[in-house]
Amino acid sequence: MDLLLKIRNNVVISHATCFAQSLSSLQQYTGIVDCFRRIVKDEGYHVLWRGLGTAVARAFVVNGAIFSSYEIALRCLFNNGSIQTENAI
């Protein structure tokens, strides 16, 4: 859920930043809410989800790597440095 909110906020902030840096623009945003409203009005709600697929894919890979390294570190610490794949009887 946190990732979804960050994606939408990043879209609004990047639009506001690009708009403010444009010298040829005649209108300015009056605030973040005005920016949000104009984006939805001009481009639709779907633009707020732009980049979600790549962010979710990246989060999946990163979380998998972190979880794997955490599990390996725990096994090394609590099994006297040896990584066991099966429990020995």
PDB file of N, CA and C in Angstrom:
ATOM      1  N   MET A   1       0.816  -1.179   0.000  1.00  0.00           N
ATOM      2  CA  MET A   1       0.000   0.000   0.000  1.00  0.00           C
ATOM      3  C   MET A   1       0.867   1.254   0.000  1.00  0.00           C
ATOM      4  N   ASP A   2       1.948   1.196   0.750  1.00  0.00           N
ATOM      5  CA  ASP A   2       2.855   2.330   0.822  1.00  0.00           C
ATOM      6  C   ASP A   2       3.451   2.635  -0.547  1.00  0.00           C
ATOM      7  N   LEU A   3       3.761   1.589  -1.291  1.00  0.00           N
ATOM      8  CA  LEU A   3       4.326   1.760  -2.633  1.00  0.00           C
ATOM      9  C   LEU A   3       3.338   2.459  -3.563  1.00  0.00           C
ATOM     10  N   LEU A   4       2.064   2.124  -3.460  1.00  0.00           N
ATOM     11  CA  LEU A   4       1.051   2.743  -4.313  1.00  0.00           C
ATOM     12  C   LEU A   4       0.920   4.238  -4.047  1.00  0.00           C
ATOM     13  N   LEU A   5       0.980   4.624  -2.790  1.00  0.00           N
ATOM     14  CA  LEU A   5       0.895   6.046  -2.453  1.00  0.00           C
ATOM     15  C   LEU A   5       2.128   6.804  -2.928  1.00  0.00           C
ATOM     16  N   LYS A   6       3.287   6.166  -2.820  1.00  0.00           N
ATOM     17  CA  LYS A   6       4.515   6.819  -3.268  1.00  0.00           C
ATOM     18  C   LYS A   6       4.509   7.045  -4.773  1.00  0.00           C
ATOM     19  N   ILE A   7       3.989   6.071  -5.524  1.00  0.00           N
ATOM     20  CA  ILE A   7       3.944   6.208  -6.988  1.00  0.00           C
ATOM     21  C   ILE A   7       3.091   7.406  -7.363  1.00  0.00           C
ATOM     22  N   ARG A   8       1.907   7.520  -6.789  1.00  0.00           N
ATOM     23  CA  ARG A   8       1.016   8.643  -7.120  1.00  0.00           C
ATOM     24  C   ARG A   8       1.626   9.976  -6.712  1.00  0.00           C
ATOM     25  N   ASN A   9       2.243  10.031  -5.540  1.00  0.00           N
ATOM     26  CA  ASN A   9       2.870  11.272  -5.105  1.00  0.00           C
ATOM     27  C   ASN A   9       4.027  11.663  -6.005  1.00  0.00           C
ATOM     28  N   ASN A  10       4.804  10.677  -6.435  1.00  0.00           N
ATOM     29  CA  ASN A  10       5.931  10.968  -7.323  1.00  0.00           C
ATOM     30  C   ASN A  10       5.461  11.494  -8.666  1.00  0.00           C
ATOM     31  N   VAL A  11       4.352  10.980  -9.173  1.00  0.00           N
ATOM     32  CA  VAL A  11       3.814  11.471 -10.445  1.00  0.00           C
ATOM     33  C   VAL A  11       3.415  12.932 -10.317  1.00  0.00           C
ATOM     34  N   VAL A  12       2.713  13.263  -9.243  1.00  0.00           N
ATOM     35  CA  VAL A  12       2.261  14.645  -9.041  1.00  0.00           C
ATOM     36  C   VAL A  12       3.455  15.569  -8.848  1.00  0.00           C
ATOM     37  N   ILE A  13       4.425  15.170  -8.053  1.00  0.00           N
ATOM     38  CA  ILE A  13       5.590  16.015  -7.799  1.00  0.00           C
ATOM     39  C   ILE A  13       6.422  16.200  -9.058  1.00  0.00           C
ATOM     40  N   SER A  14       6.587  15.136  -9.844  1.00  0.00           N
ATOM     41  CA  SER A  14       7.372  15.279 -11.071  1.00  0.00           C
ATOM     42  C   SER A  14       6.668  16.177 -12.078  1.00  0.00           C
ATOM     43  N   HIS A  15       5.345  16.098 -12.160  1.00  0.00           N
ATOM     44  CA  HIS A  15       4.602  17.009 -13.037  1.00  0.00           C
ATOM     45  C   HIS A  15       4.782  18.457 -12.585  1.00  0.00           C
ATOM     46  N   ALA A  16       4.666  18.683 -11.303  1.00  0.00           N
ATOM     47  CA  ALA A  16       4.798  20.047 -10.776  1.00  0.00           C
ATOM     48  C   ALA A  16       6.200  20.585 -11.007  1.00  0.00           C
ATOM     49  N   THR A  17       7.211  19.744 -10.836  1.00  0.00           N
ATOM     50  CA  THR A  17       8.587  20.171 -11.032  1.00  0.00           C
ATOM     51  C   THR A  17       8.864  20.498 -12.488  1.00  0.00           C
ATOM     52  N   CYS A  18       8.436  19.621 -13.390  1.00  0.00           N
ATOM     53  CA  CYS A  18       8.642  19.866 -14.815  1.00  0.00           C
ATOM     54  C   CYS A  18       7.888  21.099 -15.276  1.00  0.00           C
ATOM     55  N   PHE A  19       6.704  21.281 -14.756  1.00  0.00           N
ATOM     56  CA  PHE A  19       5.890  22.436 -15.132  1.00  0.00           C
ATOM     57  C   PHE A  19       6.540  23.725 -14.646  1.00  0.00           C
ATOM     58  N   ALA A  20       7.090  23.703 -13.436  1.00  0.00           N
ATOM     59  CA  ALA A  20       7.721  24.899 -12.876  1.00  0.00           C
ATOM     60  C   ALA A  20       9.004  25.251 -13.622  1.00  0.00           C
ATOM     61  N   GLN A  21       9.711  24.242 -14.146  1.00  0.00           N
ATOM     62  CA  GLN A  21      10.963  24.490 -14.848  1.00  0.00           C
ATOM     63  C   GLN A  21      10.747  24.912 -16.295  1.00  0.00           C
ATOM     64  N   SER A  22       9.549  24.720 -16.812  1.00  0.00           N
ATOM     65  CA  SER A  22       9.258  25.079 -18.188  1.00  0.00           C
ATOM     66  C   SER A  22       9.118  26.593 -18.310  1.00  0.00           C
ATOM     67  N   LEU A  23       9.903  27.172 -19.166  1.00  0.00           N
ATOM     68  CA  LEU A  23       9.875  28.627 -19.332  1.00  0.00           C
ATOM     69  C   LEU A  23       8.722  29.069 -20.223  1.00  0.00           C
ATOM     70  N   SER A  24       8.234  28.179 -21.082  1.00  0.00           N
ATOM     71  CA  SER A  24       7.184  28.552 -22.017  1.00  0.00           C
ATOM     72  C   SER A  24       5.780  28.412 -21.432  1.00  0.00           C
ATOM     73  N   SER A  25       5.666  27.914 -20.221  1.00  0.00           N
ATOM     74  CA  SER A  25       4.344  27.713 -19.632  1.00  0.00           C
ATOM     75  C   SER A  25       3.759  29.040 -19.179  1.00  0.00           C
ATOM     76  N   LEU A  26       2.485  29.219 -19.449  1.00  0.00           N
ATOM     77  CA  LEU A  26       1.806  30.454 -19.066  1.00  0.00           C
ATOM     78  C   LEU A  26       1.127  30.329 -17.718  1.00  0.00           C
ATOM     79  N   GLN A  27       0.704  29.109 -17.365  1.00  0.00           N
ATOM     80  CA  GLN A  27       0.011  28.892 -16.103  1.00  0.00           C
ATOM     81  C   GLN A  27       0.957  28.241 -15.102  1.00  0.00           C
ATOM     82  N   GLN A  28       0.752  28.546 -13.861  1.00  0.00           N
ATOM     83  CA  GLN A  28       1.510  27.922 -12.786  1.00  0.00           C
ATOM     84  C   GLN A  28       0.538  27.158 -11.905  1.00  0.00           C
ATOM     85  N   TYR A  29       1.030  26.102 -11.278  1.00  0.00           N
ATOM     86  CA  TYR A  29       0.219  25.407 -10.281  1.00  0.00           C
ATOM     87  C   TYR A  29       0.183  26.254  -9.019  1.00  0.00           C
ATOM     88  N   THR A  30      -0.974  26.308  -8.378  1.00  0.00           N
ATOM     89  CA  THR A  30      -1.085  27.075  -7.137  1.00  0.00           C
ATOM     90  C   THR A  30      -0.728  26.240  -5.916  1.00  0.00           C
ATOM     91  N   GLY A  31      -0.631  24.943  -6.091  1.00  0.00           N
ATOM     92  CA  GLY A  31      -0.267  24.064  -4.987  1.00  0.00           C
ATOM     93  C   GLY A  31      -0.338  22.613  -5.438  1.00  0.00           C
ATOM     94  N   ILE A  32      -0.075  21.709  -4.525  1.00  0.00           N
ATOM     95  CA  ILE A  32      -0.038  20.290  -4.850  1.00  0.00           C
ATOM     96  C   ILE A  32      -1.436  19.771  -5.179  1.00  0.00           C
ATOM     97  N   VAL A  33      -2.461  20.303  -4.512  1.00  0.00           N
ATOM     98  CA  VAL A  33      -3.832  19.863  -4.785  1.00  0.00           C
ATOM     99  C   VAL A  33      -4.259  20.327  -6.181  1.00  0.00           C
ATOM    100  N   ASP A  34      -3.902  21.562  -6.536  1.00  0.00           N
ATOM    101  CA  ASP A  34      -4.197  22.073  -7.873  1.00  0.00           C
ATOM    102  C   ASP A  34      -3.479  21.238  -8.934  1.00  0.00           C
ATOM    103  N   CYS A  35      -2.258  20.890  -8.664  1.00  0.00           N
ATOM    104  CA  CYS A  35      -1.493  20.040  -9.587  1.00  0.00           C
ATOM    105  C   CYS A  35      -2.182  18.692  -9.763  1.00  0.00           C
ATOM    106  N   PHE A  36      -2.591  18.064  -8.666  1.00  0.00           N
ATOM    107  CA  PHE A  36      -3.285  16.778  -8.706  1.00  0.00           C
ATOM    108  C   PHE A  36      -4.570  16.879  -9.529  1.00  0.00           C
ATOM    109  N   ARG A  37      -5.351  17.926  -9.268  1.00  0.00           N
ATOM    110  CA  ARG A  37      -6.612  18.099  -9.995  1.00  0.00           C
ATOM    111  C   ARG A  37      -6.391  18.294 -11.487  1.00  0.00           C
ATOM    112  N   ARG A  38      -5.399  19.083 -11.856  1.00  0.00           N
ATOM    113  CA  ARG A  38      -5.135  19.327 -13.278  1.00  0.00           C
ATOM    114  C   ARG A  38      -4.632  18.073 -13.990  1.00  0.00           C
ATOM    115  N   ILE A  39      -3.805  17.296 -13.298  1.00  0.00           N
ATOM    116  CA  ILE A  39      -3.311  16.054 -13.897  1.00  0.00           C
ATOM    117  C   ILE A  39      -4.477  15.120 -14.182  1.00  0.00           C
ATOM    118  N   VAL A  40      -5.355  14.938 -13.197  1.00  0.00           N
ATOM    119  CA  VAL A  40      -6.507  14.053 -13.375  1.00  0.00           C
ATOM    120  C   VAL A  40      -7.432  14.588 -14.460  1.00  0.00           C
ATOM    121  N   LYS A  41      -7.646  15.893 -14.498  1.00  0.00           N
ATOM    122  CA  LYS A  41      -8.530  16.495 -15.487  1.00  0.00           C
ATOM    123  C   LYS A  41      -7.955  16.378 -16.899  1.00  0.00           C
ATOM    124  N   ASP A  42      -6.668  16.671 -17.049  1.00  0.00           N
ATOM    125  CA  ASP A  42      -6.045  16.688 -18.371  1.00  0.00           C
ATOM    126  C   ASP A  42      -5.688  15.300 -18.898  1.00  0.00           C
ATOM    127  N   GLU A  43      -5.182  14.430 -18.021  1.00  0.00           N
ATOM    128  CA  GLU A  43      -4.649  13.145 -18.478  1.00  0.00           C
ATOM    129  C   GLU A  43      -5.407  11.936 -17.962  1.00  0.00           C
ATOM    130  N   GLY A  44      -6.262  12.106 -16.968  1.00  0.00           N
ATOM    131  CA  GLY A  44      -7.034  10.988 -16.427  1.00  0.00           C
ATOM    132  C   GLY A  44      -6.360  10.342 -15.228  1.00  0.00           C
ATOM    133  N   TYR A  45      -7.131   9.488 -14.554  1.00  0.00           N
ATOM    134  CA  TYR A  45      -6.614   8.821 -13.360  1.00  0.00           C
ATOM    135  C   TYR A  45      -5.513   7.814 -13.673  1.00  0.00           C
ATOM    136  N   HIS A  46      -5.521   7.255 -14.865  1.00  0.00           N
ATOM    137  CA  HIS A  46      -4.539   6.214 -15.199  1.00  0.00           C
ATOM    138  C   HIS A  46      -3.110   6.720 -15.128  1.00  0.00           C
ATOM    139  N   VAL A  47      -2.903   8.006 -15.332  1.00  0.00           N
ATOM    140  CA  VAL A  47      -1.542   8.542 -15.311  1.00  0.00           C
ATOM    141  C   VAL A  47      -0.937   8.486 -13.904  1.00  0.00           C
ATOM    142  N   LEU A  48      -1.772   8.428 -12.872  1.00  0.00           N
ATOM    143  CA  LEU A  48      -1.271   8.335 -11.509  1.00  0.00           C
ATOM    144  C   LEU A  48      -0.620   6.987 -11.221  1.00  0.00           C
ATOM    145  N   TRP A  49      -0.895   6.008 -12.047  1.00  0.00           N
ATOM    146  CA  TRP A  49      -0.338   4.664 -11.855  1.00  0.00           C
ATOM    147  C   TRP A  49       0.842   4.408 -12.775  1.00  0.00           C
ATOM    148  N   ARG A  50       1.283   5.432 -13.497  1.00  0.00           N
ATOM    149  CA  ARG A  50       2.411   5.281 -14.412  1.00  0.00           C
ATOM    150  C   ARG A  50       3.662   4.884 -13.624  1.00  0.00           C
ATOM    151  N   GLY A  51       4.339   3.855 -14.080  1.00  0.00           N
ATOM    152  CA  GLY A  51       5.549   3.387 -13.419  1.00  0.00           C
ATOM    153  C   GLY A  51       5.314   2.365 -12.331  1.00  0.00           C
ATOM    154  N   LEU A  52       4.078   1.978 -12.096  1.00  0.00           N
ATOM    155  CA  LEU A  52       3.782   1.034 -11.023  1.00  0.00           C
ATOM    156  C   LEU A  52       4.363  -0.351 -11.310  1.00  0.00           C
ATOM    157  N   GLY A  53       4.260  -0.802 -12.555  1.00  0.00           N
ATOM    158  CA  GLY A  53       4.744  -2.140 -12.898  1.00  0.00           C
ATOM    159  C   GLY A  53       6.226  -2.317 -12.631  1.00  0.00           C
ATOM    160  N   THR A  54       7.029  -1.351 -13.039  1.00  0.00           N
ATOM    161  CA  THR A  54       8.471  -1.459 -12.816  1.00  0.00           C
ATOM    162  C   THR A  54       8.817  -1.331 -11.336  1.00  0.00           C
ATOM    163  N   ALA A  55       8.086  -0.503 -10.606  1.00  0.00           N
ATOM    164  CA  ALA A  55       8.348  -0.361  -9.171  1.00  0.00           C
ATOM    165  C   ALA A  55       8.011  -1.639  -8.418  1.00  0.00           C
ATOM    166  N   VAL A  56       6.918  -2.285  -8.797  1.00  0.00           N
ATOM    167  CA  VAL A  56       6.534  -3.543  -8.143  1.00  0.00           C
ATOM    168  C   VAL A  56       7.532  -4.648  -8.491  1.00  0.00           C
ATOM    169  N   ALA A  57       7.965  -4.706  -9.737  1.00  0.00           N
ATOM    170  CA  ALA A  57       8.954  -5.709 -10.135  1.00  0.00           C
ATOM    171  C   ALA A  57      10.260  -5.510  -9.376  1.00  0.00           C
ATOM    172  N   ARG A  58      10.693  -4.259  -9.242  1.00  0.00           N
ATOM    173  CA  ARG A  58      11.919  -3.960  -8.507  1.00  0.00           C
ATOM    174  C   ARG A  58      11.760  -4.339  -7.037  1.00  0.00           C
ATOM    175  N   ALA A  59      10.619  -4.004  -6.440  1.00  0.00           N
ATOM    176  CA  ALA A  59      10.385  -4.326  -5.033  1.00  0.00           C
ATOM    177  C   ALA A  59      10.377  -5.836  -4.812  1.00  0.00           C
ATOM    178  N   PHE A  60       9.829  -6.580  -5.771  1.00  0.00           N
ATOM    179  CA  PHE A  60       9.795  -8.037  -5.661  1.00  0.00           C
ATOM    180  C   PHE A  60      11.206  -8.613  -5.626  1.00  0.00           C
ATOM    181  N   VAL A  61      12.055  -8.160  -6.526  1.00  0.00           N
ATOM    182  CA  VAL A  61      13.435  -8.662  -6.600  1.00  0.00           C
ATOM    183  C   VAL A  61      14.224  -8.245  -5.357  1.00  0.00           C
ATOM    184  N   VAL A  62      14.108  -6.990  -4.967  1.00  0.00           N
ATOM    185  CA  VAL A  62      14.860  -6.487  -3.806  1.00  0.00           C
ATOM    186  C   VAL A  62      14.428  -7.187  -2.536  1.00  0.00           C
ATOM    187  N   ASN A  63      13.132  -7.325  -2.323  1.00  0.00           N
ATOM    188  CA  ASN A  63      12.656  -8.002  -1.111  1.00  0.00           C
ATOM    189  C   ASN A  63      13.053  -9.470  -1.093  1.00  0.00           C
ATOM    190  N   GLY A  64      13.053 -10.112  -2.257  1.00  0.00           N
ATOM    191  CA  GLY A  64      13.507 -11.497  -2.323  1.00  0.00           C
ATOM    192  C   GLY A  64      14.974 -11.632  -1.959  1.00  0.00           C
ATOM    193  N   ALA A  65      15.802 -10.723  -2.454  1.00  0.00           N
ATOM    194  CA  ALA A  65      17.230 -10.753  -2.138  1.00  0.00           C
ATOM    195  C   ALA A  65      17.481 -10.475  -0.660  1.00  0.00           C
ATOM    196  N   ILE A  66      16.767  -9.526  -0.103  1.00  0.00           N
ATOM    197  CA  ILE A  66      16.936  -9.200   1.318  1.00  0.00           C
ATOM    198  C   ILE A  66      16.490 -10.365   2.192  1.00  0.00           C
ATOM    199  N   PHE A  67      15.354 -10.961   1.870  1.00  0.00           N
ATOM    200  CA  PHE A  67      14.871 -12.095   2.658  1.00  0.00           C
ATOM    201  C   PHE A  67      15.840 -13.269   2.581  1.00  0.00           C
ATOM    202  N   SER A  68      16.342 -13.554   1.390  1.00  0.00           N
ATOM    203  CA  SER A  68      17.284 -14.676   1.225  1.00  0.00           C
ATOM    204  C   SER A  68      18.575 -14.438   2.010  1.00  0.00           C
ATOM    205  N   SER A  69      19.130 -13.246   1.903  1.00  0.00           N
ATOM    206  CA  SER A  69      20.378 -12.970   2.620  1.00  0.00           C
ATOM    207  C   SER A  69      20.154 -12.968   4.136  1.00  0.00           C
ATOM    208  N   TYR A  70      19.005 -12.520   4.581  1.00  0.00           N
ATOM    209  CA  TYR A  70      18.684 -12.551   6.006  1.00  0.00           C
ATOM    210  C   TYR A  70      18.595 -13.989   6.508  1.00  0.00           C
ATOM    211  N   GLU A  71      17.930 -14.838   5.757  1.00  0.00           N
ATOM    212  CA  GLU A  71      17.818 -16.249   6.160  1.00  0.00           C
ATOM    213  C   GLU A  71      19.177 -16.939   6.171  1.00  0.00           C
ATOM    214  N   ILE A  72      19.996 -16.666   5.187  1.00  0.00           N
ATOM    215  CA  ILE A  72      21.341 -17.270   5.143  1.00  0.00           C
ATOM    216  C   ILE A  72      22.177 -16.777   6.317  1.00  0.00           C
ATOM    217  N   ALA A  73      22.081 -15.488   6.629  1.00  0.00           N
ATOM    218  CA  ALA A  73      22.831 -14.945   7.759  1.00  0.00           C
ATOM    219  C   ALA A  73      22.382 -15.578   9.069  1.00  0.00           C
ATOM    220  N   LEU A  74      21.085 -15.760   9.257  1.00  0.00           N
ATOM    221  CA  LEU A  74      20.595 -16.407  10.479  1.00  0.00           C
ATOM    222  C   LEU A  74      21.077 -17.845  10.587  1.00  0.00           C
ATOM    223  N   ARG A  75      21.053 -18.564   9.486  1.00  0.00           N
ATOM    224  CA  ARG A  75      21.525 -19.957   9.503  1.00  0.00           C
ATOM    225  C   ARG A  75      23.004 -20.029   9.827  1.00  0.00           C
ATOM    226  N   CYS A  76      23.786 -19.111   9.283  1.00  0.00           N
ATOM    227  CA  CYS A  76      25.221 -19.102   9.575  1.00  0.00           C
ATOM    228  C   CYS A  76      25.490 -18.775  11.038  1.00  0.00           C
ATOM    229  N   LEU A  77      24.737 -17.838  11.589  1.00  0.00           N
ATOM    230  CA  LEU A  77      24.958 -17.438  12.974  1.00  0.00           C
ATOM    231  C   LEU A  77      24.539 -18.514  13.970  1.00  0.00           C
ATOM    232  N   PHE A  78      23.444 -19.185  13.713  1.00  0.00           N
ATOM    233  CA  PHE A  78      22.924 -20.142  14.685  1.00  0.00           C
ATOM    234  C   PHE A  78      23.307 -21.589  14.399  1.00  0.00           C
ATOM    235  N   ASN A  79      24.021 -21.869  13.328  1.00  0.00           N
ATOM    236  CA  ASN A  79      24.492 -23.223  13.031  1.00  0.00           C
ATOM    237  C   ASN A  79      26.009 -23.271  13.014  1.00  0.00           C
ATOM    238  N   ASN A  80      26.646 -22.430  13.787  1.00  0.00           N
ATOM    239  CA  ASN A  80      28.102 -22.386  13.905  1.00  0.00           C
ATOM    240  C   ASN A  80      28.791 -22.163  12.558  1.00  0.00           C
ATOM    241  N   GLY A  81      28.230 -21.357  11.734  1.00  0.00           N
ATOM    242  CA  GLY A  81      28.861 -20.990  10.474  1.00  0.00           C
ATOM    243  C   GLY A  81      28.597 -21.926   9.322  1.00  0.00           C
ATOM    244  N   SER A  82      27.892 -23.025   9.535  1.00  0.00           N
ATOM    245  CA  SER A  82      27.616 -23.952   8.440  1.00  0.00           C
ATOM    246  C   SER A  82      26.185 -23.759   7.941  1.00  0.00           C
ATOM    247  N   ILE A  83      26.032 -23.784   6.643  1.00  0.00           N
ATOM    248  CA  ILE A  83      24.708 -23.664   6.044  1.00  0.00           C
ATOM    249  C   ILE A  83      24.192 -25.069   5.772  1.00  0.00           C
ATOM    250  N   GLN A  84      23.107 -25.439   6.431  1.00  0.00           N
ATOM    251  CA  GLN A  84      22.524 -26.752   6.251  1.00  0.00           C
ATOM    252  C   GLN A  84      21.231 -26.613   5.443  1.00  0.00           C
ATOM    253  N   THR A  85      21.070 -27.512   4.480  1.00  0.00           N
ATOM    254  CA  THR A  85      19.848 -27.468   3.688  1.00  0.00           C
ATOM    255  C   THR A  85      18.789 -28.391   4.269  1.00  0.00           C
ATOM    256  N   GLU A  86      19.198 -29.395   5.030  1.00  0.00           N
ATOM    257  CA  GLU A  86      18.259 -30.328   5.664  1.00  0.00           C
ATOM    258  C   GLU A  86      18.636 -30.513   7.122  1.00  0.00           C
ATOM    259  N   ASN A  87      17.664 -30.898   7.903  1.00  0.00           N
ATOM    260  CA  ASN A  87      17.953 -31.183   9.310  1.00  0.00           C
ATOM    261  C   ASN A  87      18.559 -32.578   9.431  1.00  0.00           C
ATOM    262  N   ALA A  88      19.706 -32.662  10.052  1.00  0.00           N
ATOM    263  CA  ALA A  88      20.364 -33.966  10.249  1.00  0.00           C
ATOM    264  C   ALA A  88      19.815 -34.634  11.496  1.00  0.00           C
ATOM    265  N   ILE A  89      19.603 -35.935  11.394  1.00  0.00           N
ATOM    266  CA  ILE A  89      19.064 -36.683  12.534  1.00  0.00           C
ATOM    267  C   ILE A  89      20.169 -37.299  13.316  1.00  0.00           C
TER     268      ILE A  89
END
